[in-house]
Each structure stands twice: as structure tokens, then as C-alpha cells.
């Protein structure tokens, strides 16, 4: 699995490609959170349209729960509050991605999945988030 992270206009852009595995996806999420903190980002676009091999239901649950727990743990140290994640997925993966979204949202993560780039960018940039300075309080 390949991960490319770059600042974009108003958000951090993460492009994920290659073959999907739970271990790689969890490691990529750790790397992504480090980049979010490094850049002081409050909005993240995660483009998963070039991933091969979808998660099965249990793997999707485990990854979403892992990500939400990792993010929640960062809140206790005063970091990463108010971060919004928009996931861009293919039509074929949309149903499974919505399941993962529900798991993560139920655990406190601010995340939404999309199949159209325009919708993801609009959602990320049109809703207020806490600034990096507010997260430090």
C-alpha cells in the first residue's frame, strides 16, 4: 500500500493506493495522524479510490474502531481536536465505507465518506473546525 500526503488548499490531501490490508491501513492511519499534527491540519481528504481489495465487514469494523480509538487517545494529550476526515471511495466500495464511517462516528470521530471529489471538498471546506490554537487548550 502506498501513502502520499500533501498540503492542499484548505486541507491535507492523503492519497492511498495499492493493495489493502488491515495492518497496512492501520499503519497508514498512524502516519496520517502524525502528518495532521505536523501540519496543524483540521481537515483531511483521504482519497482511497485507487485501493485494491476491499475490507470485509470485520476488517472494516476493526480499522474504523482502531482509527477512532487512536484519535480519541490523542485528544487526552490535547492534540487533534476538531479534525474532520472526508474519505473519497469508489462506487463499488461505498457501502462498506459507509459501514466504517458509522463505526468511527459512533466512537466520536468526525468523518464522512463520498464517491465524488466535489462533494468531499465542499463538505471539508464549508464547515467550521477548531483551529490548531484552540486544540491546544
N, C-alpha and C. Protein backbone atom coordinates (compact mmCIF):
# COMPACT_ATOMS: atom_id res chain seq x y z
N UNK A 1 0.85 -1.17 0.00
CA UNK A 1 0.00 0.00 0.00
C UNK A 1 0.90 1.24 0.00
N UNK A 2 0.55 2.22 -0.82
CA UNK A 2 1.31 3.46 -0.93
C UNK A 2 0.50 4.61 -0.34
N UNK A 3 1.17 5.49 0.38
CA UNK A 3 0.54 6.63 1.02
C UNK A 3 1.29 7.89 0.61
N UNK A 4 0.56 8.88 0.06
CA UNK A 4 1.13 10.16 -0.30
C UNK A 4 0.36 11.23 0.44
N UNK A 5 1.07 12.08 1.17
CA UNK A 5 0.44 13.12 1.97
C UNK A 5 0.98 14.47 1.53
N UNK A 6 0.07 15.41 1.24
CA UNK A 6 0.50 16.74 0.81
C UNK A 6 -0.54 17.78 1.23
N UNK A 7 -0.05 18.96 1.64
CA UNK A 7 -0.98 20.05 1.93
C UNK A 7 -1.67 20.51 0.65
N UNK A 8 -2.93 20.84 0.76
CA UNK A 8 -3.70 21.35 -0.37
C UNK A 8 -4.37 22.63 0.09
N UNK A 9 -5.20 23.21 -0.74
CA UNK A 9 -5.86 24.46 -0.41
C UNK A 9 -6.96 24.23 0.63
N UNK A 10 -6.65 24.47 1.90
CA UNK A 10 -7.64 24.37 2.96
C UNK A 10 -7.73 23.01 3.63
N UNK A 11 -6.93 22.05 3.20
CA UNK A 11 -6.98 20.73 3.83
C UNK A 11 -5.70 19.96 3.53
N UNK A 12 -5.52 18.87 4.23
CA UNK A 12 -4.41 17.96 3.96
C UNK A 12 -4.94 16.86 3.06
N UNK A 13 -4.24 16.60 1.96
CA UNK A 13 -4.67 15.59 1.00
C UNK A 13 -3.84 14.33 1.21
N UNK A 14 -4.54 13.21 1.39
CA UNK A 14 -3.90 11.92 1.57
C UNK A 14 -4.38 11.01 0.44
N UNK A 15 -3.44 10.48 -0.34
CA UNK A 15 -3.79 9.57 -1.41
C UNK A 15 -3.27 8.19 -1.04
N UNK A 16 -4.17 7.21 -1.05
CA UNK A 16 -3.83 5.84 -0.69
C UNK A 16 -4.06 4.97 -1.92
N UNK A 17 -3.07 4.15 -2.25
CA UNK A 17 -3.20 3.28 -3.42
C UNK A 17 -2.53 1.94 -3.15
N UNK A 18 -2.83 0.99 -4.02
CA UNK A 18 -2.21 -0.33 -3.91
C UNK A 18 -3.15 -1.34 -3.30
N UNK A 19 -2.57 -2.38 -2.75
CA UNK A 19 -3.35 -3.47 -2.17
C UNK A 19 -3.61 -3.21 -0.70
N UNK A 20 -4.84 -3.37 -0.31
CA UNK A 20 -5.31 -3.05 1.03
C UNK A 20 -5.12 -4.24 1.96
N UNK A 21 -4.56 -3.97 3.12
CA UNK A 21 -4.53 -4.95 4.21
C UNK A 21 -4.81 -4.20 5.50
N UNK A 22 -5.34 -4.88 6.47
CA UNK A 22 -5.68 -4.23 7.74
C UNK A 22 -4.43 -3.68 8.41
N UNK A 23 -3.36 -4.44 8.45
CA UNK A 23 -2.12 -3.98 9.09
C UNK A 23 -1.59 -2.73 8.41
N UNK A 24 -1.56 -2.72 7.07
CA UNK A 24 -1.08 -1.56 6.33
C UNK A 24 -2.00 -0.35 6.53
N UNK A 25 -3.30 -0.58 6.53
CA UNK A 25 -4.25 0.51 6.71
C UNK A 25 -4.11 1.14 8.09
N UNK A 26 -3.91 0.32 9.12
CA UNK A 26 -3.72 0.86 10.47
C UNK A 26 -2.42 1.64 10.56
N UNK A 27 -1.35 1.12 9.97
CA UNK A 27 -0.07 1.83 9.96
C UNK A 27 -0.19 3.15 9.19
N UNK A 28 -0.93 3.15 8.10
CA UNK A 28 -1.13 4.37 7.31
C UNK A 28 -1.92 5.40 8.12
N UNK A 29 -2.88 4.95 8.91
CA UNK A 29 -3.65 5.89 9.73
C UNK A 29 -2.75 6.55 10.77
N UNK A 30 -1.85 5.79 11.36
CA UNK A 30 -0.90 6.35 12.33
C UNK A 30 -0.04 7.41 11.64
N UNK A 31 0.46 7.10 10.45
CA UNK A 31 1.28 8.04 9.69
C UNK A 31 0.48 9.29 9.31
N UNK A 32 -0.77 9.08 8.93
CA UNK A 32 -1.63 10.20 8.55
C UNK A 32 -1.87 11.12 9.74
N UNK A 33 -2.14 10.57 10.92
CA UNK A 33 -2.36 11.41 12.10
C UNK A 33 -1.11 12.21 12.46
N UNK A 34 0.06 11.60 12.29
CA UNK A 34 1.30 12.33 12.54
C UNK A 34 1.42 13.52 11.59
N UNK A 35 1.06 13.33 10.34
CA UNK A 35 1.11 14.42 9.36
C UNK A 35 0.08 15.49 9.68
N UNK A 36 -1.09 15.09 10.12
CA UNK A 36 -2.14 16.04 10.51
C UNK A 36 -1.62 16.93 11.63
N UNK A 37 -1.00 16.31 12.61
CA UNK A 37 -0.46 17.08 13.74
C UNK A 37 0.71 17.96 13.29
N UNK A 38 1.59 17.44 12.47
CA UNK A 38 2.74 18.19 11.98
C UNK A 38 2.31 19.44 11.21
N UNK A 39 1.28 19.30 10.37
CA UNK A 39 0.82 20.42 9.55
C UNK A 39 -0.22 21.29 10.25
N UNK A 40 -0.68 20.88 11.42
CA UNK A 40 -1.72 21.63 12.12
C UNK A 40 -3.04 21.63 11.38
N UNK A 41 -3.29 20.56 10.64
CA UNK A 41 -4.50 20.47 9.81
C UNK A 41 -5.73 20.15 10.66
N UNK A 42 -6.84 20.69 10.24
CA UNK A 42 -8.12 20.35 10.86
C UNK A 42 -9.07 19.70 9.86
N UNK A 43 -8.63 19.58 8.62
CA UNK A 43 -9.44 18.98 7.56
C UNK A 43 -8.55 18.06 6.73
N UNK A 44 -9.03 16.84 6.51
CA UNK A 44 -8.23 15.85 5.81
C UNK A 44 -9.07 15.16 4.75
N UNK A 45 -8.57 15.17 3.52
CA UNK A 45 -9.21 14.44 2.44
C UNK A 45 -8.40 13.18 2.19
N UNK A 46 -9.02 12.03 2.38
CA UNK A 46 -8.35 10.74 2.19
C UNK A 46 -8.94 10.10 0.94
N UNK A 47 -8.14 10.07 -0.12
CA UNK A 47 -8.58 9.52 -1.41
C UNK A 47 -8.19 8.05 -1.48
N UNK A 48 -9.18 7.18 -1.40
CA UNK A 48 -8.98 5.73 -1.40
C UNK A 48 -9.45 5.09 -2.71
N UNK A 49 -9.67 5.88 -3.73
CA UNK A 49 -10.23 5.35 -4.97
C UNK A 49 -9.27 4.41 -5.71
N UNK A 50 -7.98 4.49 -5.42
CA UNK A 50 -7.00 3.64 -6.11
C UNK A 50 -6.57 2.45 -5.27
N UNK A 51 -7.35 2.12 -4.26
CA UNK A 51 -7.07 0.93 -3.45
C UNK A 51 -7.66 -0.30 -4.10
N UNK A 52 -6.96 -1.40 -4.00
CA UNK A 52 -7.44 -2.69 -4.49
C UNK A 52 -7.79 -3.54 -3.28
N UNK A 53 -8.73 -4.43 -3.42
CA UNK A 53 -9.13 -5.34 -2.34
C UNK A 53 -9.88 -4.57 -1.25
N UNK A 54 -11.13 -4.76 -1.17
CA UNK A 54 -11.94 -4.10 -0.13
C UNK A 54 -11.83 -4.88 1.18
N UNK A 55 -12.05 -4.18 2.28
CA UNK A 55 -12.14 -4.84 3.58
C UNK A 55 -13.39 -5.70 3.61
N UNK A 56 -13.34 -6.81 4.33
CA UNK A 56 -14.59 -7.49 4.66
C UNK A 56 -15.18 -6.75 5.86
N UNK A 57 -16.35 -7.13 6.29
CA UNK A 57 -17.06 -6.40 7.34
C UNK A 57 -16.25 -6.32 8.63
N UNK A 58 -15.68 -7.42 9.06
CA UNK A 58 -14.91 -7.42 10.32
C UNK A 58 -13.67 -6.55 10.21
N UNK A 59 -12.96 -6.62 9.09
CA UNK A 59 -11.77 -5.78 8.91
C UNK A 59 -12.17 -4.29 8.88
N UNK A 60 -13.28 -3.98 8.22
CA UNK A 60 -13.75 -2.60 8.19
C UNK A 60 -14.08 -2.09 9.58
N UNK A 61 -14.73 -2.94 10.36
CA UNK A 61 -15.04 -2.58 11.74
C UNK A 61 -13.76 -2.34 12.53
N UNK A 62 -12.82 -3.29 12.43
CA UNK A 62 -11.57 -3.19 13.19
C UNK A 62 -10.78 -1.94 12.82
N UNK A 63 -10.70 -1.62 11.53
CA UNK A 63 -9.94 -0.44 11.12
C UNK A 63 -10.61 0.85 11.60
N UNK A 64 -11.91 0.94 11.45
CA UNK A 64 -12.62 2.14 11.89
C UNK A 64 -12.50 2.32 13.40
N UNK A 65 -12.64 1.24 14.15
CA UNK A 65 -12.52 1.31 15.61
C UNK A 65 -11.09 1.68 16.01
N UNK A 66 -10.09 1.11 15.32
CA UNK A 66 -8.70 1.43 15.58
C UNK A 66 -8.44 2.93 15.37
N UNK A 67 -8.88 3.45 14.23
CA UNK A 67 -8.67 4.87 13.93
C UNK A 67 -9.34 5.79 14.92
N UNK A 68 -10.57 5.48 15.27
CA UNK A 68 -11.30 6.32 16.22
C UNK A 68 -10.64 6.27 17.60
N UNK A 69 -10.19 5.10 18.01
CA UNK A 69 -9.53 4.98 19.31
C UNK A 69 -8.20 5.74 19.32
N UNK A 70 -7.44 5.62 18.26
CA UNK A 70 -6.17 6.34 18.16
C UNK A 70 -6.41 7.85 18.21
N UNK A 71 -7.39 8.32 17.50
CA UNK A 71 -7.72 9.74 17.51
C UNK A 71 -8.18 10.17 18.89
N UNK A 72 -9.04 9.38 19.52
CA UNK A 72 -9.52 9.68 20.88
C UNK A 72 -8.36 9.74 21.87
N UNK A 73 -7.40 8.84 21.74
CA UNK A 73 -6.24 8.85 22.62
C UNK A 73 -5.44 10.14 22.46
N UNK A 74 -5.39 10.68 21.24
CA UNK A 74 -4.65 11.92 21.02
C UNK A 74 -5.35 13.10 21.70
N UNK A 75 -6.67 13.01 21.84
CA UNK A 75 -7.40 14.10 22.50
C UNK A 75 -6.98 14.24 23.95
N UNK A 76 -6.67 13.12 24.61
CA UNK A 76 -6.29 13.18 26.03
C UNK A 76 -4.97 13.93 26.21
N UNK A 77 -4.15 13.98 25.16
CA UNK A 77 -2.90 14.74 25.24
C UNK A 77 -3.09 16.17 24.72
N UNK A 78 -4.31 16.53 24.37
CA UNK A 78 -4.61 17.88 23.91
C UNK A 78 -4.38 18.11 22.43
N UNK A 79 -4.21 17.04 21.67
CA UNK A 79 -3.92 17.18 20.24
C UNK A 79 -5.11 16.72 19.39
N UNK A 80 -5.16 17.21 18.18
CA UNK A 80 -6.07 16.74 17.12
C UNK A 80 -7.56 16.87 17.42
N UNK A 81 -7.93 17.83 18.25
CA UNK A 81 -9.36 18.09 18.45
C UNK A 81 -9.93 18.78 17.23
N UNK A 82 -11.14 18.43 16.86
CA UNK A 82 -11.83 19.12 15.78
C UNK A 82 -11.41 18.73 14.38
N UNK A 83 -10.65 17.66 14.23
CA UNK A 83 -10.22 17.25 12.90
C UNK A 83 -11.37 16.56 12.18
N UNK A 84 -11.57 16.96 10.94
CA UNK A 84 -12.64 16.43 10.09
C UNK A 84 -12.00 15.62 8.96
N UNK A 85 -12.50 14.39 8.76
CA UNK A 85 -11.96 13.49 7.74
C UNK A 85 -13.01 13.22 6.68
N UNK A 86 -12.67 13.50 5.44
CA UNK A 86 -13.52 13.15 4.31
C UNK A 86 -12.84 12.05 3.52
N UNK A 87 -13.51 10.91 3.38
CA UNK A 87 -12.96 9.77 2.64
C UNK A 87 -13.62 9.70 1.28
N UNK A 88 -12.79 9.66 0.24
CA UNK A 88 -13.26 9.53 -1.13
C UNK A 88 -13.05 8.08 -1.55
N UNK A 89 -14.14 7.42 -1.91
CA UNK A 89 -14.09 5.99 -2.24
C UNK A 89 -14.78 5.76 -3.59
N UNK A 90 -14.52 4.61 -4.17
CA UNK A 90 -15.19 4.24 -5.41
C UNK A 90 -16.63 3.84 -5.13
N UNK A 91 -17.46 3.89 -6.16
CA UNK A 91 -18.86 3.46 -6.02
C UNK A 91 -18.93 2.03 -5.49
N UNK A 92 -18.03 1.17 -5.98
CA UNK A 92 -18.05 -0.24 -5.58
C UNK A 92 -17.76 -0.43 -4.10
N UNK A 93 -17.01 0.50 -3.49
CA UNK A 93 -16.63 0.38 -2.08
C UNK A 93 -17.49 1.25 -1.16
N UNK A 94 -18.47 1.95 -1.71
CA UNK A 94 -19.22 2.93 -0.95
C UNK A 94 -20.00 2.31 0.22
N UNK A 95 -20.64 1.19 0.00
CA UNK A 95 -21.44 0.58 1.06
C UNK A 95 -20.56 0.16 2.24
N UNK A 96 -19.46 -0.49 1.95
CA UNK A 96 -18.55 -0.91 3.01
C UNK A 96 -17.95 0.31 3.71
N UNK A 97 -17.64 1.35 2.96
CA UNK A 97 -17.08 2.57 3.54
C UNK A 97 -18.08 3.25 4.46
N UNK A 98 -19.35 3.24 4.10
CA UNK A 98 -20.39 3.83 4.96
C UNK A 98 -20.48 3.07 6.28
N UNK A 99 -20.31 1.76 6.22
CA UNK A 99 -20.29 0.97 7.45
C UNK A 99 -19.13 1.43 8.35
N UNK A 100 -17.94 1.57 7.78
CA UNK A 100 -16.79 2.05 8.54
C UNK A 100 -17.01 3.45 9.08
N UNK A 101 -17.65 4.30 8.28
CA UNK A 101 -17.99 5.65 8.74
C UNK A 101 -18.86 5.59 9.99
N UNK A 102 -19.89 4.75 9.96
CA UNK A 102 -20.79 4.63 11.11
C UNK A 102 -20.05 4.15 12.35
N UNK A 103 -19.17 3.18 12.19
CA UNK A 103 -18.39 2.68 13.32
C UNK A 103 -17.55 3.81 13.92
N UNK A 104 -16.85 4.56 13.06
CA UNK A 104 -15.99 5.64 13.54
C UNK A 104 -16.79 6.78 14.17
N UNK A 105 -17.90 7.17 13.54
CA UNK A 105 -18.74 8.24 14.08
C UNK A 105 -19.30 7.84 15.45
N UNK A 106 -19.70 6.60 15.58
CA UNK A 106 -20.23 6.13 16.87
C UNK A 106 -19.17 6.14 17.97
N UNK A 107 -17.91 6.24 17.59
CA UNK A 107 -16.82 6.31 18.54
C UNK A 107 -16.23 7.72 18.64
N UNK A 108 -16.93 8.71 18.10
CA UNK A 108 -16.56 10.10 18.28
C UNK A 108 -15.79 10.76 17.16
N UNK A 109 -15.50 10.06 16.10
CA UNK A 109 -14.72 10.63 15.00
C UNK A 109 -15.62 11.46 14.09
N UNK A 110 -15.11 12.56 13.58
CA UNK A 110 -15.84 13.41 12.64
C UNK A 110 -15.41 13.01 11.23
N UNK A 111 -16.18 12.12 10.61
CA UNK A 111 -15.80 11.53 9.33
C UNK A 111 -17.02 11.33 8.46
N UNK A 112 -16.81 11.46 7.15
CA UNK A 112 -17.89 11.22 6.20
C UNK A 112 -17.26 10.66 4.92
N UNK A 113 -17.98 9.74 4.26
CA UNK A 113 -17.48 9.15 3.03
C UNK A 113 -18.23 9.72 1.83
N UNK A 114 -17.51 9.78 0.70
CA UNK A 114 -18.05 10.36 -0.53
C UNK A 114 -17.58 9.53 -1.72
N UNK A 115 -18.34 9.61 -2.80
CA UNK A 115 -17.92 8.99 -4.05
C UNK A 115 -17.58 10.06 -5.10
N UNK A 116 -17.79 11.32 -4.77
CA UNK A 116 -17.47 12.42 -5.69
C UNK A 116 -16.54 13.41 -4.99
N UNK A 117 -15.44 13.73 -5.66
CA UNK A 117 -14.46 14.65 -5.10
C UNK A 117 -15.07 15.99 -4.73
N UNK A 118 -15.91 16.52 -5.60
CA UNK A 118 -16.51 17.84 -5.35
C UNK A 118 -17.30 17.84 -4.04
N UNK A 119 -18.04 16.78 -3.79
CA UNK A 119 -18.83 16.70 -2.56
C UNK A 119 -17.94 16.64 -1.33
N UNK A 120 -16.86 15.87 -1.42
CA UNK A 120 -15.93 15.75 -0.29
C UNK A 120 -15.27 17.09 0.02
N UNK A 121 -14.79 17.77 -1.00
CA UNK A 121 -14.13 19.06 -0.80
C UNK A 121 -15.12 20.09 -0.26
N UNK A 122 -16.33 20.10 -0.77
CA UNK A 122 -17.35 21.04 -0.29
C UNK A 122 -17.62 20.80 1.20
N UNK A 123 -17.78 19.55 1.60
CA UNK A 123 -18.05 19.23 3.00
C UNK A 123 -16.87 19.62 3.89
N UNK A 124 -15.67 19.32 3.43
CA UNK A 124 -14.50 19.65 4.24
C UNK A 124 -14.31 21.14 4.42
N UNK A 125 -14.52 21.91 3.38
CA UNK A 125 -14.20 23.33 3.43
C UNK A 125 -15.36 24.23 3.84
N UNK A 126 -16.56 23.69 3.91
CA UNK A 126 -17.70 24.56 4.22
C UNK A 126 -18.14 24.50 5.67
N UNK A 127 -17.56 23.62 6.44
CA UNK A 127 -17.94 23.51 7.84
C UNK A 127 -16.81 24.00 8.72
N UNK A 128 -17.13 24.79 9.74
CA UNK A 128 -16.07 25.29 10.62
C UNK A 128 -15.47 24.15 11.45
N UNK A 129 -14.19 24.27 11.72
CA UNK A 129 -13.50 23.35 12.61
C UNK A 129 -12.72 24.19 13.61
N UNK A 130 -12.25 23.54 14.65
CA UNK A 130 -11.43 24.25 15.63
C UNK A 130 -10.05 24.51 15.04
N UNK A 131 -9.52 25.66 15.35
CA UNK A 131 -8.18 25.96 14.85
C UNK A 131 -7.15 25.21 15.67
N UNK A 132 -5.94 25.15 15.18
CA UNK A 132 -4.87 24.47 15.89
C UNK A 132 -4.67 25.08 17.28
N UNK A 133 -4.82 26.39 17.39
CA UNK A 133 -4.62 27.02 18.69
C UNK A 133 -5.71 26.62 19.67
N UNK A 134 -6.92 26.45 19.20
CA UNK A 134 -7.99 26.02 20.10
C UNK A 134 -7.78 24.59 20.57
N UNK A 135 -7.18 23.74 19.74
CA UNK A 135 -6.94 22.36 20.11
C UNK A 135 -5.94 22.25 21.25
N UNK A 136 -5.10 23.26 21.41
CA UNK A 136 -4.05 23.21 22.42
C UNK A 136 -4.56 23.53 23.82
N UNK A 137 -5.77 24.03 23.94
CA UNK A 137 -6.29 24.46 25.25
C UNK A 137 -6.40 23.30 26.22
